[in-house]
Amino acid sequence: MLEVEESAARIRGEIEAMEAEQKHLLQRVSYAAITLQATETWEQAPSGFGMTLHQAWRTGWTNASDAAKGLVLFVAEYILSLLFWMLLLSVPVAFVWRRYRRFHSKL
Protein backbone atom coordinates (compact mmCIF):
# COMPACT_ATOMS: atom_id res chain seq x y z
CA MET A 1 0.00 0.00 0.00
CA LEU A 2 2.87 2.36 0.86
CA GLU A 3 4.53 1.73 -2.52
CA VAL A 4 1.28 2.53 -4.35
CA GLU A 5 0.89 5.81 -2.43
CA GLU A 6 4.50 6.79 -3.15
CA SER A 7 4.03 5.96 -6.84
CA ALA A 8 0.79 7.97 -6.98
CA ALA A 9 2.53 10.93 -5.30
CA ARG A 10 5.44 10.73 -7.75
CA ILE A 11 3.07 10.58 -10.73
CA ARG A 12 1.02 13.49 -9.31
CA GLY A 13 4.26 15.52 -8.97
CA GLU A 14 5.23 14.75 -12.57
CA ILE A 15 1.75 15.80 -13.79
CA GLU A 16 1.98 19.09 -11.86
CA ALA A 17 5.46 19.74 -13.28
CA MET A 18 4.19 19.09 -16.83
CA GLU A 19 1.20 21.39 -16.29
CA ALA A 20 3.49 24.16 -15.04
CA GLU A 21 5.76 23.70 -18.05
CA GLN A 22 2.72 23.80 -20.38
CA LYS A 23 1.52 27.09 -18.81
CA HIS A 24 5.01 28.54 -19.22
CA LEU A 25 5.16 27.50 -22.88
CA LEU A 26 1.69 28.93 -23.56
CA GLN A 27 2.77 32.28 -22.10
CA ARG A 28 5.90 32.32 -24.26
CA VAL A 29 3.86 31.70 -27.40
CA SER A 30 1.33 34.41 -26.56
CA TYR A 31 4.09 37.05 -26.51
CA ALA A 32 5.77 36.03 -29.75
CA ALA A 33 5.74 38.56 -32.62
CA ILE A 34 7.11 38.51 -36.13
CA THR A 35 8.16 41.60 -38.08
CA LEU A 36 8.74 41.27 -41.79
CA GLN A 37 10.13 43.97 -44.05
CA ALA A 38 10.60 43.46 -47.76
CA THR A 39 12.70 45.70 -49.96
CA GLU A 40 13.41 45.64 -53.66
CA THR A 41 17.02 45.16 -54.72
CA TRP A 42 18.56 45.24 -58.14
CA GLU A 43 20.35 42.04 -59.03
CA GLN A 44 22.52 43.52 -61.74
CA ALA A 45 23.61 46.96 -62.80
CA PRO A 46 21.56 48.36 -65.68
CA SER A 47 23.29 48.12 -69.01
CA GLY A 48 22.78 50.71 -71.69
CA PHE A 49 21.33 54.18 -71.70
CA GLY A 50 17.72 53.00 -71.87
CA MET A 51 17.96 50.85 -68.75
CA THR A 52 19.84 53.58 -66.88
CA LEU A 53 17.16 56.10 -67.85
CA HIS A 54 14.42 53.67 -66.82
CA GLN A 55 16.04 53.08 -63.43
CA ALA A 56 16.50 56.83 -62.90
CA TRP A 57 12.84 57.42 -63.79
CA ARG A 58 11.67 54.74 -61.33
CA THR A 59 13.91 56.09 -58.58
CA GLY A 60 12.74 59.65 -59.21
CA TRP A 61 9.09 58.60 -59.21
CA THR A 62 9.55 56.67 -55.98
CA ASN A 63 11.25 59.66 -54.32
CA ALA A 64 8.52 62.05 -55.50
CA SER A 65 5.74 59.78 -54.24
CA ASP A 66 7.51 59.33 -50.91
CA ALA A 67 7.83 63.12 -50.58
CA ALA A 68 4.13 63.58 -51.37
CA LYS A 69 3.18 60.93 -48.80
CA GLY A 70 5.41 62.63 -46.25
CA LEU A 71 3.75 66.00 -46.88
CA VAL A 72 0.26 64.51 -46.56
CA LEU A 73 1.20 62.74 -43.31
CA PHE A 74 2.78 65.93 -41.93
CA VAL A 75 -0.34 67.95 -42.68
CA ALA A 76 -2.60 65.24 -41.26
CA GLU A 77 -0.58 65.09 -38.06
CA TYR A 78 -0.15 68.83 -37.48
CA ILE A 79 -3.27 70.36 -39.10
CA LEU A 80 -4.95 71.26 -35.81
CA SER A 81 -1.82 72.87 -34.43
CA LEU A 82 -1.29 74.79 -37.67
CA LEU A 83 -4.88 76.05 -37.67
CA PHE A 84 -4.61 77.10 -34.04
CA TRP A 85 -1.44 79.13 -34.63
CA MET A 86 -2.81 80.64 -37.84
CA LEU A 87 -5.92 81.84 -36.01
CA LEU A 88 -3.91 83.08 -33.05
CA LEU A 89 -1.44 85.01 -35.21
CA SER A 90 -4.06 86.42 -37.58
CA VAL A 91 -5.36 88.85 -34.91
CA PRO A 92 -2.11 90.79 -34.40
CA VAL A 93 -1.30 90.65 -38.12
CA ALA A 94 -4.72 92.12 -38.97
CA PHE A 95 -4.22 94.85 -36.35
CA VAL A 96 -0.79 95.79 -37.72
CA TRP A 97 -2.07 95.70 -41.31
CA ARG A 98 -4.94 98.12 -40.49
CA ARG A 99 -2.60 100.55 -38.76
CA TYR A 100 -0.19 100.34 -41.69
CA ARG A 101 -2.99 101.10 -44.21
CA ARG A 102 -4.31 103.99 -42.13
CA PHE A 103 -0.85 105.48 -41.78
CA HIS A 104 -0.10 105.24 -45.52
CA SER A 105 -3.53 106.48 -46.55
CA LYS A 106 -2.85 109.78 -44.69
CA LEU A 107 0.41 110.32 -46.58
PDB file of N, CA and C in Angstrom:
ATOM      1  N   MET A   1       0.817  -1.185   0.000  1.00  0.00           N
ATOM      2  CA  MET A   1       0.000   0.000   0.000  1.00  0.00           C
ATOM      3  C   MET A   1       0.868   1.259   0.000  1.00  0.00           C
ATOM      4  N   LEU A   2       1.969   1.218   0.780  1.00  0.00           N
ATOM      5  CA  LEU A   2       2.873   2.359   0.862  1.00  0.00           C
ATOM      6  C   LEU A   2       3.529   2.630  -0.483  1.00  0.00           C
ATOM      7  N   GLU A   3       3.907   1.582  -1.206  1.00  0.00           N
ATOM      8  CA  GLU A   3       4.528   1.734  -2.525  1.00  0.00           C
ATOM      9  C   GLU A   3       3.549   2.358  -3.518  1.00  0.00           C
ATOM     10  N   VAL A   4       2.288   1.975  -3.442  1.00  0.00           N
ATOM     11  CA  VAL A   4       1.275   2.530  -4.345  1.00  0.00           C
ATOM     12  C   VAL A   4       1.084   4.011  -4.061  1.00  0.00           C
ATOM     13  N   GLU A   5       1.049   4.405  -2.786  1.00  0.00           N
ATOM     14  CA  GLU A   5       0.887   5.815  -2.426  1.00  0.00           C
ATOM     15  C   GLU A   5       2.092   6.635  -2.872  1.00  0.00           C
ATOM     16  N   GLU A   6       3.294   6.092  -2.707  1.00  0.00           N
ATOM     17  CA  GLU A   6       4.503   6.786  -3.152  1.00  0.00           C
ATOM     18  C   GLU A   6       4.503   6.938  -4.670  1.00  0.00           C
ATOM     19  N   SER A   7       4.102   5.918  -5.384  1.00  0.00           N
ATOM     20  CA  SER A   7       4.031   5.963  -6.839  1.00  0.00           C
ATOM     21  C   SER A   7       2.991   6.980  -7.302  1.00  0.00           C
ATOM     22  N   ALA A   8       1.846   7.000  -6.631  1.00  0.00           N
ATOM     23  CA  ALA A   8       0.790   7.965  -6.977  1.00  0.00           C
ATOM     24  C   ALA A   8       1.276   9.387  -6.709  1.00  0.00           C
ATOM     25  N   ALA A   9       2.007   9.605  -5.617  1.00  0.00           N
ATOM     26  CA  ALA A   9       2.533  10.932  -5.295  1.00  0.00           C
ATOM     27  C   ALA A   9       3.571  11.352  -6.322  1.00  0.00           C
ATOM     28  N   ARG A  10       4.417  10.425  -6.744  1.00  0.00           N
ATOM     29  CA  ARG A  10       5.440  10.726  -7.746  1.00  0.00           C
ATOM     30  C   ARG A  10       4.786  11.098  -9.069  1.00  0.00           C
ATOM     31  N   ILE A  11       3.778  10.305  -9.470  1.00  0.00           N
ATOM     32  CA  ILE A  11       3.075  10.576 -10.733  1.00  0.00           C
ATOM     33  C   ILE A  11       2.337  11.916 -10.644  1.00  0.00           C
ATOM     34  N   ARG A  12       1.717  12.212  -9.509  1.00  0.00           N
ATOM     35  CA  ARG A  12       1.024  13.486  -9.313  1.00  0.00           C
ATOM     36  C   ARG A  12       2.023  14.641  -9.426  1.00  0.00           C
ATOM     37  N   GLY A  13       3.207  14.489  -8.870  1.00  0.00           N
ATOM     38  CA  GLY A  13       4.257  15.520  -8.966  1.00  0.00           C
ATOM     39  C   GLY A  13       4.700  15.734 -10.407  1.00  0.00           C
ATOM     40  N   GLU A  14       4.849  14.629 -11.166  1.00  0.00           N
ATOM     41  CA  GLU A  14       5.231  14.747 -12.574  1.00  0.00           C
ATOM     42  C   GLU A  14       4.146  15.472 -13.379  1.00  0.00           C
ATOM     43  N   ILE A  15       2.873  15.147 -13.081  1.00  0.00           N
ATOM     44  CA  ILE A  15       1.753  15.805 -13.786  1.00  0.00           C
ATOM     45  C   ILE A  15       1.754  17.302 -13.480  1.00  0.00           C
ATOM     46  N   GLU A  16       1.950  17.672 -12.221  1.00  0.00           N
ATOM     47  CA  GLU A  16       1.976  19.091 -11.858  1.00  0.00           C
ATOM     48  C   GLU A  16       3.147  19.813 -12.527  1.00  0.00           C
ATOM     49  N   ALA A  17       4.306  19.138 -12.618  1.00  0.00           N
ATOM     50  CA  ALA A  17       5.461  19.740 -13.282  1.00  0.00           C
ATOM     51  C   ALA A  17       5.174  19.945 -14.775  1.00  0.00           C
ATOM     52  N   MET A  18       4.536  18.969 -15.404  1.00  0.00           N
ATOM     53  CA  MET A  18       4.195  19.089 -16.828  1.00  0.00           C
ATOM     54  C   MET A  18       3.171  20.194 -17.062  1.00  0.00           C
ATOM     55  N   GLU A  19       2.190  20.323 -16.163  1.00  0.00           N
ATOM     56  CA  GLU A  19       1.196  21.395 -16.290  1.00  0.00           C
ATOM     57  C   GLU A  19       1.846  22.766 -16.140  1.00  0.00           C
ATOM     58  N   ALA A  20       2.780  22.885 -15.218  1.00  0.00           N
ATOM     59  CA  ALA A  20       3.491  24.155 -15.036  1.00  0.00           C
ATOM     60  C   ALA A  20       4.312  24.487 -16.276  1.00  0.00           C
ATOM     61  N   GLU A  21       4.979  23.480 -16.834  1.00  0.00           N
ATOM     62  CA  GLU A  21       5.760  23.702 -18.054  1.00  0.00           C
ATOM     63  C   GLU A  21       4.848  24.090 -19.221  1.00  0.00           C
ATOM     64  N   GLN A  22       3.677  23.474 -19.313  1.00  0.00           N
ATOM     65  CA  GLN A  22       2.725  23.803 -20.380  1.00  0.00           C
ATOM     66  C   GLN A  22       2.258  25.255 -20.242  1.00  0.00           C
ATOM     67  N   LYS A  23       1.928  25.699 -19.026  1.00  0.00           N
ATOM     68  CA  LYS A  23       1.517  27.087 -18.808  1.00  0.00           C
ATOM     69  C   LYS A  23       2.630  28.046 -19.212  1.00  0.00           C
ATOM     70  N   HIS A  24       3.861  27.704 -18.860  1.00  0.00           N
ATOM     71  CA  HIS A  24       5.011  28.540 -19.216  1.00  0.00           C
ATOM     72  C   HIS A  24       5.166  28.630 -20.736  1.00  0.00           C
ATOM     73  N   LEU A  25       5.033  27.499 -21.422  1.00  0.00           N
ATOM     74  CA  LEU A  25       5.156  27.499 -22.881  1.00  0.00           C
ATOM     75  C   LEU A  25       4.023  28.265 -23.542  1.00  0.00           C
ATOM     76  N   LEU A  26       2.814  28.176 -23.008  1.00  0.00           N
ATOM     77  CA  LEU A  26       1.686  28.932 -23.562  1.00  0.00           C
ATOM     78  C   LEU A  26       1.910  30.430 -23.411  1.00  0.00           C
ATOM     79  N   GLN A  27       2.479  30.863 -22.295  1.00  0.00           N
ATOM     80  CA  GLN A  27       2.771  32.279 -22.100  1.00  0.00           C
ATOM     81  C   GLN A  27       3.849  32.752 -23.069  1.00  0.00           C
ATOM     82  N   ARG A  28       4.832  31.938 -23.318  1.00  0.00           N
ATOM     83  CA  ARG A  28       5.896  32.317 -24.256  1.00  0.00           C
ATOM     84  C   ARG A  28       5.335  32.485 -25.650  1.00  0.00           C
ATOM     85  N   VAL A  29       4.438  31.621 -26.064  1.00  0.00           N
ATOM     86  CA  VAL A  29       3.861  31.698 -27.405  1.00  0.00           C
ATOM     87  C   VAL A  29       2.964  32.918 -27.522  1.00  0.00           C
ATOM     88  N   SER A  30       2.255  33.281 -26.471  1.00  0.00           N
ATOM     89  CA  SER A  30       1.331  34.408 -26.557  1.00  0.00           C
ATOM     90  C   SER A  30       2.067  35.732 -26.727  1.00  0.00           C
ATOM     91  N   TYR A  31       3.341  35.822 -26.369  1.00  0.00           N
ATOM     92  CA  TYR A  31       4.093  37.055 -26.505  1.00  0.00           C
ATOM     93  C   TYR A  31       4.978  37.080 -27.750  1.00  0.00           C
ATOM     94  N   ALA A  32       4.927  36.070 -28.564  1.00  0.00           N
ATOM     95  CA  ALA A  32       5.769  36.033 -29.754  1.00  0.00           C
ATOM     96  C   ALA A  32       5.226  36.979 -30.808  1.00  0.00           C
ATOM     97  N   ALA A  33       6.125  37.647 -31.542  1.00  0.00           N
ATOM     98  CA  ALA A  33       5.741  38.559 -32.622  1.00  0.00           C
ATOM     99  C   ALA A  33       6.744  38.416 -33.752  1.00  0.00           C
ATOM    100  N   ILE A  34       6.255  38.596 -34.957  1.00  0.00           N
ATOM    101  CA  ILE A  34       7.113  38.508 -36.128  1.00  0.00           C
ATOM    102  C   ILE A  34       6.993  39.810 -36.895  1.00  0.00           C
ATOM    103  N   THR A  35       8.124  40.397 -37.256  1.00  0.00           N
ATOM    104  CA  THR A  35       8.158  41.604 -38.077  1.00  0.00           C
ATOM    105  C   THR A  35       8.857  41.249 -39.381  1.00  0.00           C
ATOM    106  N   LEU A  36       8.200  41.591 -40.478  1.00  0.00           N
ATOM    107  CA  LEU A  36       8.741  41.275 -41.795  1.00  0.00           C
ATOM    108  C   LEU A  36       8.808  42.552 -42.599  1.00  0.00           C
ATOM    109  N   GLN A  37       9.968  42.801 -43.195  1.00  0.00           N
ATOM    110  CA  GLN A  37      10.131  43.971 -44.049  1.00  0.00           C
ATOM    111  C   GLN A  37      10.762  43.509 -45.352  1.00  0.00           C
ATOM    112  N   ALA A  38      10.104  43.850 -46.448  1.00  0.00           N
ATOM    113  CA  ALA A  38      10.603  43.455 -47.762  1.00  0.00           C
ATOM    114  C   ALA A  38      11.060  44.692 -48.515  1.00  0.00           C
ATOM    115  N   THR A  39      12.201  44.603 -49.146  1.00  0.00           N
ATOM    116  CA  THR A  39      12.702  45.700 -49.963  1.00  0.00           C
ATOM    117  C   THR A  39      13.108  45.155 -51.321  1.00  0.00           C
ATOM    118  N   GLU A  40      13.044  46.029 -52.305  1.00  0.00           N
ATOM    119  CA  GLU A  40      13.410  45.643 -53.664  1.00  0.00           C
ATOM    120  C   GLU A  40      14.897  45.921 -53.863  1.00  0.00           C
ATOM    121  N   THR A  41      15.602  44.972 -54.423  1.00  0.00           N
ATOM    122  CA  THR A  41      17.016  45.164 -54.722  1.00  0.00           C
ATOM    123  C   THR A  41      17.252  44.831 -56.187  1.00  0.00           C
ATOM    124  N   TRP A  42      18.196  45.506 -56.752  1.00  0.00           N
ATOM    125  CA  TRP A  42      18.565  45.241 -58.143  1.00  0.00           C
ATOM    126  C   TRP A  42      19.638  44.165 -58.157  1.00  0.00           C
ATOM    127  N   GLU A  43      19.402  43.149 -58.947  1.00  0.00           N
ATOM    128  CA  GLU A  43      20.349  42.041 -59.027  1.00  0.00           C
ATOM    129  C   GLU A  43      21.585  42.408 -59.835  1.00  0.00           C
ATOM    130  N   GLN A  44      21.389  43.166 -60.896  1.00  0.00           N
ATOM    131  CA  GLN A  44      22.525  43.519 -61.743  1.00  0.00           C
ATOM    132  C   GLN A  44      22.441  44.988 -62.105  1.00  0.00           C
ATOM    133  N   ALA A  45      23.578  45.557 -62.415  1.00  0.00           N
ATOM    134  CA  ALA A  45      23.610  46.960 -62.802  1.00  0.00           C
ATOM    135  C   ALA A  45      22.966  47.100 -64.177  1.00  0.00           C
ATOM    136  N   PRO A  46      22.194  48.181 -64.378  1.00  0.00           N
ATOM    137  CA  PRO A  46      21.565  48.357 -65.680  1.00  0.00           C
ATOM    138  C   PRO A  46      22.610  48.565 -66.770  1.00  0.00           C
ATOM    139  N   SER A  47      22.360  47.958 -67.900  1.00  0.00           N
ATOM    140  CA  SER A  47      23.289  48.116 -69.009  1.00  0.00           C
ATOM    141  C   SER A  47      22.612  48.933 -70.097  1.00  0.00           C
ATOM    142  N   GLY A  48      23.312  49.881 -70.613  1.00  0.00           N
ATOM    143  CA  GLY A  48      22.782  50.708 -71.688  1.00  0.00           C
ATOM    144  C   GLY A  48      22.080  51.943 -71.163  1.00  0.00           C
ATOM    145  N   PHE A  49      21.947  52.907 -72.066  1.00  0.00           N
ATOM    146  CA  PHE A  49      21.333  54.180 -71.702  1.00  0.00           C
ATOM    147  C   PHE A  49      19.862  54.018 -71.357  1.00  0.00           C
ATOM    148  N   GLY A  50      19.154  53.181 -72.095  1.00  0.00           N
ATOM    149  CA  GLY A  50      17.725  52.999 -71.866  1.00  0.00           C
ATOM    150  C   GLY A  50      17.427  52.445 -70.485  1.00  0.00           C
ATOM    151  N   MET A  51      18.174  51.438 -70.074  1.00  0.00           N
ATOM    152  CA  MET A  51      17.960  50.854 -68.746  1.00  0.00           C
ATOM    153  C   MET A  51      18.348  51.833 -67.638  1.00  0.00           C
ATOM    154  N   THR A  52      19.427  52.583 -67.864  1.00  0.00           N
ATOM    155  CA  THR A  52      19.838  53.580 -66.880  1.00  0.00           C
ATOM    156  C   THR A  52      18.774  54.656 -66.741  1.00  0.00           C
ATOM    157  N   LEU A  53      18.222  55.101 -67.869  1.00  0.00           N
ATOM    158  CA  LEU A  53      17.163  56.095 -67.845  1.00  0.00           C
ATOM    159  C   LEU A  53      15.917  55.549 -67.156  1.00  0.00           C
ATOM    160  N   HIS A  54      15.577  54.297 -67.454  1.00  0.00           N
ATOM    161  CA  HIS A  54      14.419  53.668 -66.820  1.00  0.00           C
ATOM    162  C   HIS A  54      14.604  53.581 -65.316  1.00  0.00           C
ATOM    163  N   GLN A  55      15.776  53.183 -64.863  1.00  0.00           N
ATOM    164  CA  GLN A  55      16.042  53.082 -63.431  1.00  0.00           C
ATOM    165  C   GLN A  55      15.996  54.465 -62.782  1.00  0.00           C
ATOM    166  N   ALA A  56      16.533  55.475 -63.431  1.00  0.00           N
ATOM    167  CA  ALA A  56      16.504  56.830 -62.895  1.00  0.00           C
ATOM    168  C   ALA A  56      15.058  57.327 -62.790  1.00  0.00           C
ATOM    169  N   TRP A  57      14.243  57.009 -63.805  1.00  0.00           N
ATOM    170  CA  TRP A  57      12.838  57.415 -63.786  1.00  0.00           C
ATOM    171  C   TRP A  57      12.105  56.756 -62.617  1.00  0.00           C
ATOM    172  N   ARG A  58      12.325  55.448 -62.434  1.00  0.00           N
ATOM    173  CA  ARG A  58      11.668  54.742 -61.333  1.00  0.00           C
ATOM    174  C   ARG A  58      12.104  55.290 -59.979  1.00  0.00           C
ATOM    175  N   THR A  59      13.400  55.550 -59.834  1.00  0.00           N
ATOM    176  CA  THR A  59      13.910  56.089 -58.575  1.00  0.00           C
ATOM    177  C   THR A  59      13.335  57.484 -58.320  1.00  0.00           C
ATOM    178  N   GLY A  60      13.304  58.316 -59.352  1.00  0.00           N
ATOM    179  CA  GLY A  60      12.739  59.654 -59.206  1.00  0.00           C
ATOM    180  C   GLY A  60      11.265  59.614 -58.855  1.00  0.00           C
ATOM    181  N   TRP A  61      10.516  58.733 -59.500  1.00  0.00           N
ATOM    182  CA  TRP A  61       9.085  58.605 -59.214  1.00  0.00           C
ATOM    183  C   TRP A  61       8.857  58.121 -57.784  1.00  0.00           C
ATOM    184  N   THR A  62       9.660  57.176 -57.349  1.00  0.00           N
ATOM    185  CA  THR A  62       9.547  56.675 -55.977  1.00  0.00           C
ATOM    186  C   THR A  62       9.851  57.788 -54.973  1.00  0.00           C
ATOM    187  N   ASN A  63      10.903  58.559 -55.227  1.00  0.00           N
ATOM    188  CA  ASN A  63      11.253  59.658 -54.324  1.00  0.00           C
ATOM    189  C   ASN A  63      10.156  60.716 -54.286  1.00  0.00           C
ATOM    190  N   ALA A  64       9.585  61.043 -55.450  1.00  0.00           N
ATOM    191  CA  ALA A  64       8.515  62.047 -55.499  1.00  0.00           C
ATOM    192  C   ALA A  64       7.273  61.555 -54.748  1.00  0.00           C
ATOM    193  N   SER A  65       6.916  60.298 -54.942  1.00  0.00           N
ATOM    194  CA  SER A  65       5.738  59.777 -54.245  1.00  0.00           C
ATOM    195  C   SER A  65       5.981  59.695 -52.742  1.00  0.00           C
ATOM    196  N   ASP A  66       7.194  59.351 -52.336  1.00  0.00           N
ATOM    197  CA  ASP A  66       7.514  59.334 -50.905  1.00  0.00           C
ATOM    198  C   ASP A  66       7.439  60.741 -50.308  1.00  0.00           C
ATOM    199  N   ALA A  67       7.902  61.742 -51.061  1.00  0.00           N
ATOM    200  CA  ALA A  67       7.831  63.122 -50.575  1.00  0.00           C
ATOM    201  C   ALA A  67       6.377  63.575 -50.450  1.00  0.00           C
ATOM    202  N   ALA A  68       5.546  63.205 -51.425  1.00  0.00           N
ATOM    203  CA  ALA A  68       4.127  63.575 -51.366  1.00  0.00           C
ATOM    204  C   ALA A  68       3.443  62.895 -50.175  1.00  0.00           C
ATOM    205  N   LYS A  69       3.750  61.633 -49.958  1.00  0.00           N
ATOM    206  CA  LYS A  69       3.182  60.931 -48.800  1.00  0.00           C
ATOM    207  C   LYS A  69       3.623  61.593 -47.500  1.00  0.00           C
ATOM    208  N   GLY A  70       4.894  61.970 -47.438  1.00  0.00           N
ATOM    209  CA  GLY A  70       5.409  62.633 -46.246  1.00  0.00           C
ATOM    210  C   GLY A  70       4.711  63.949 -45.976  1.00  0.00           C
ATOM    211  N   LEU A  71       4.448  64.722 -47.042  1.00  0.00           N
ATOM    212  CA  LEU A  71       3.749  65.995 -46.880  1.00  0.00           C
ATOM    213  C   LEU A  71       2.323  65.780 -46.390  1.00  0.00           C
ATOM    214  N   VAL A  72       1.633  64.800 -46.973  1.00  0.00           N
ATOM    215  CA  VAL A  72       0.259  64.508 -46.555  1.00  0.00           C
ATOM    216  C   VAL A  72       0.235  64.053 -45.099  1.00  0.00           C
ATOM    217  N   LEU A  73       1.155  63.198 -44.701  1.00  0.00           N
ATOM    218  CA  LEU A  73       1.202  62.735 -43.313  1.00  0.00           C
ATOM    219  C   LEU A  73       1.541  63.871 -42.354  1.00  0.00           C
ATOM    220  N   PHE A  74       2.438  64.775 -42.763  1.00  0.00           N
ATOM    221  CA  PHE A  74       2.783  65.926 -41.935  1.00  0.00           C
ATOM    222  C   PHE A  74       1.561  66.804 -41.713  1.00  0.00           C
ATOM    223  N   VAL A  75       0.848  67.105 -42.794  1.00  0.00           N
ATOM    224  CA  VAL A  75      -0.339  67.952 -42.680  1.00  0.00           C
ATOM    225  C   VAL A  75      -1.402  67.263 -41.828  1.00  0.00           C
ATOM    226  N   ALA A  76      -1.595  65.964 -42.044  1.00  0.00           N
ATOM    227  CA  ALA A  76      -2.600  65.237 -41.264  1.00  0.00           C
ATOM    228  C   ALA A  76      -2.254  65.235 -39.777  1.00  0.00           C
ATOM    229  N   GLU A  77      -0.981  65.168 -39.463  1.00  0.00           N
ATOM    230  CA  GLU A  77      -0.580  65.090 -38.060  1.00  0.00           C
ATOM    231  C   GLU A  77      -0.619  66.452 -37.375  1.00  0.00           C
ATOM    232  N   TYR A  78      -0.289  67.518 -38.102  1.00  0.00           N
ATOM    233  CA  TYR A  78      -0.150  68.828 -37.478  1.00  0.00           C
ATOM    234  C   TYR A  78      -1.207  69.839 -37.907  1.00  0.00           C
ATOM    235  N   ILE A  79      -2.284  69.419 -38.575  1.00  0.00           N
ATOM    236  CA  ILE A  79      -3.267  70.363 -39.100  1.00  0.00           C
ATOM    237  C   ILE A  79      -3.938  71.165 -37.992  1.00  0.00           C
ATOM    238  N   LEU A  80      -4.294  70.529 -36.887  1.00  0.00           N
ATOM    239  CA  LEU A  80      -4.955  71.259 -35.806  1.00  0.00           C
ATOM    240  C   LEU A  80      -4.016  72.283 -35.170  1.00  0.00           C
ATOM    241  N   SER A  81      -2.773  71.923 -34.983  1.00  0.00           N
ATOM    242  CA  SER A  81      -1.815  72.875 -34.432  1.00  0.00           C
ATOM    243  C   SER A  81      -1.605  74.043 -35.391  1.00  0.00           C
ATOM    244  N   LEU A  82      -1.480  73.740 -36.686  1.00  0.00           N
ATOM    245  CA  LEU A  82      -1.291  74.795 -37.674  1.00  0.00           C
ATOM    246  C   LEU A  82      -2.488  75.743 -37.708  1.00  0.00           C
ATOM    247  N   LEU A  83      -3.694  75.203 -37.676  1.00  0.00           N
ATOM    248  CA  LEU A  83      -4.883  76.048 -37.672  1.00  0.00           C
ATOM    249  C   LEU A  83      -4.941  76.913 -36.420  1.00  0.00           C
ATOM    250  N   PHE A  84      -4.610  76.345 -35.280  1.00  0.00           N
ATOM    251  CA  PHE A  84      -4.609  77.101 -34.037  1.00  0.00           C
ATOM    252  C   PHE A  84      -3.659  78.285 -34.123  1.00  0.00           C
ATOM    253  N   TRP A  85      -2.419  78.045 -34.559  1.00  0.00           N
ATOM    254  CA  TRP A  85      -1.439  79.127 -34.633  1.00  0.00           C
ATOM    255  C   TRP A  85      -1.801  80.149 -35.701  1.00  0.00           C
ATOM    256  N   MET A  86      -2.385  79.698 -36.811  1.00  0.00           N
ATOM    257  CA  MET A  86      -2.808  80.643 -37.843  1.00  0.00           C
ATOM    258  C   MET A  86      -3.896  81.566 -37.303  1.00  0.00           C
ATOM    259  N   LEU A  87      -4.873  81.017 -36.593  1.00  0.00           N
ATOM    260  CA  LEU A  87      -5.923  81.845 -36.014  1.00  0.00           C
ATOM    261  C   LEU A  87      -5.371  82.775 -34.939  1.00  0.00           C
ATOM    262  N   LEU A  88      -4.486  82.272 -34.119  1.00  0.00           N
ATOM    263  CA  LEU A  88      -3.914  83.075 -33.049  1.00  0.00           C
ATOM    264  C   LEU A  88      -3.076  84.228 -33.603  1.00  0.00           C
ATOM    265  N   LEU A  89      -2.309  83.979 -34.647  1.00  0.00           N
ATOM    266  CA  LEU A  89      -1.441  85.011 -35.207  1.00  0.00           C
ATOM    267  C   LEU A  89      -2.172  85.941 -36.170  1.00  0.00           C
ATOM    268  N   SER A  90      -3.351  85.561 -36.636  1.00  0.00           N
ATOM    269  CA  SER A  90      -4.064  86.420 -37.577  1.00  0.00           C
ATOM    270  C   SER A  90      -4.576  87.689 -36.908  1.00  0.00           C
ATOM    271  N   VAL A  91      -4.856  87.665 -35.623  1.00  0.00           N
ATOM    272  CA  VAL A  91      -5.363  88.848 -34.913  1.00  0.00           C
ATOM    273  C   VAL A  91      -4.310  89.956 -34.867  1.00  0.00           C
ATOM    274  N   PRO A  92      -3.091  89.693 -34.403  1.00  0.00           N
ATOM    275  CA  PRO A  92      -2.107  90.787 -34.399  1.00  0.00           C
ATOM    276  C   PRO A  92      -1.697  91.221 -35.812  1.00  0.00           C
ATOM    277  N   VAL A  93      -1.655  90.291 -36.747  1.00  0.00           N
ATOM    278  CA  VAL A  93      -1.302  90.654 -38.121  1.00  0.00           C
ATOM    279  C   VAL A  93      -2.371  91.571 -38.707  1.00  0.00           C
ATOM    280  N   ALA A  94      -3.638  91.265 -38.478  1.00  0.00           N
ATOM    281  CA  ALA A  94      -4.721  92.122 -38.970  1.00  0.00           C
ATOM    282  C   ALA A  94      -4.649  93.493 -38.320  1.00  0.00           C
ATOM    283  N   PHE A  95      -4.347  93.575 -37.051  1.00  0.00           N
ATOM    284  CA  PHE A  95      -4.221  94.852 -36.353  1.00  0.00           C
ATOM    285  C   PHE A  95      -3.098  95.686 -36.951  1.00  0.00           C
ATOM    286  N   VAL A  96      -1.940  95.069 -37.141  1.00  0.00           N
ATOM    287  CA  VAL A  96      -0.794  95.786 -37.722  1.00  0.00           C
ATOM    288  C   VAL A  96      -1.104  96.210 -39.153  1.00  0.00           C
ATOM    289  N   TRP A  97      -1.745  95.380 -39.924  1.00  0.00           N
ATOM    290  CA  TRP A  97      -2.074  95.699 -41.309  1.00  0.00           C
ATOM    291  C   TRP A  97      -3.022  96.905 -41.377  1.00  0.00           C
ATOM    292  N   ARG A  98      -4.008  96.982 -40.509  1.00  0.00           N
ATOM    293  CA  ARG A  98      -4.944  98.116 -40.494  1.00  0.00           C
ATOM    294  C   ARG A  98      -4.225  99.410 -40.129  1.00  0.00           C
ATOM    295  N   ARG A  99      -3.359  99.349 -39.139  1.00  0.00           N
ATOM    296  CA  ARG A  99      -2.603 100.547 -38.759  1.00  0.00           C
ATOM    297  C   ARG A  99      -1.684 100.980 -39.889  1.00  0.00           C
ATOM    298  N   TYR A 100      -1.073 100.021 -40.568  1.00  0.00           N
ATOM    299  CA  TYR A 100      -0.195 100.337 -41.694  1.00  0.00           C
ATOM    300  C   TYR A 100      -0.982 101.020 -42.811  1.00  0.00           C
ATOM    301  N   ARG A 101      -2.162 100.508 -43.138  1.00  0.00           N
ATOM    302  CA  ARG A 101      -2.986 101.097 -44.210  1.00  0.00           C
ATOM    303  C   ARG A 101      -3.466 102.489 -43.815  1.00  0.00           C
ATOM    304  N   ARG A 102      -3.862 102.674 -42.564  1.00  0.00           N
ATOM    305  CA  ARG A 102      -4.307 103.989 -42.126  1.00  0.00           C
ATOM    306  C   ARG A 102      -3.158 105.003 -42.188  1.00  0.00           C
ATOM    307  N   PHE A 103      -1.992 104.574 -41.769  1.00  0.00           N
ATOM    308  CA  PHE A 103      -0.854 105.483 -41.775  1.00  0.00           C
ATOM    309  C   PHE A 103      -0.479 105.886 -43.198  1.00  0.00           C
ATOM    310  N   HIS A 104      -0.471 104.936 -44.144  1.00  0.00           N
ATOM    311  CA  HIS A 104      -0.097 105.241 -45.517  1.00  0.00           C
ATOM    312  C   HIS A 104      -1.213 105.911 -46.300  1.00  0.00           C
ATOM    313  N   SER A 105      -2.438 105.793 -45.857  1.00  0.00           N
ATOM    314  CA  SER A 105      -3.525 106.484 -46.551  1.00  0.00           C
ATOM    315  C   SER A 105      -3.502 107.977 -46.234  1.00  0.00           C
ATOM    316  N   LYS A 106      -2.954 108.377 -45.076  1.00  0.00           N
ATOM    317  CA  LYS A 106      -2.846 109.781 -44.694  1.00  0.00           C
ATOM    318  C   LYS A 106      -1.717 110.474 -45.419  1.00  0.00           C
ATOM    319  N   LEU A 107      -0.741 109.710 -45.880  1.00  0.00           N
ATOM    320  CA  LEU A 107       0.409 110.321 -46.580  1.00  0.00           C
ATOM    321  C   LEU A 107       0.004 110.670 -47.946  1.00  0.00           C
TER     322      LEU A 107
END
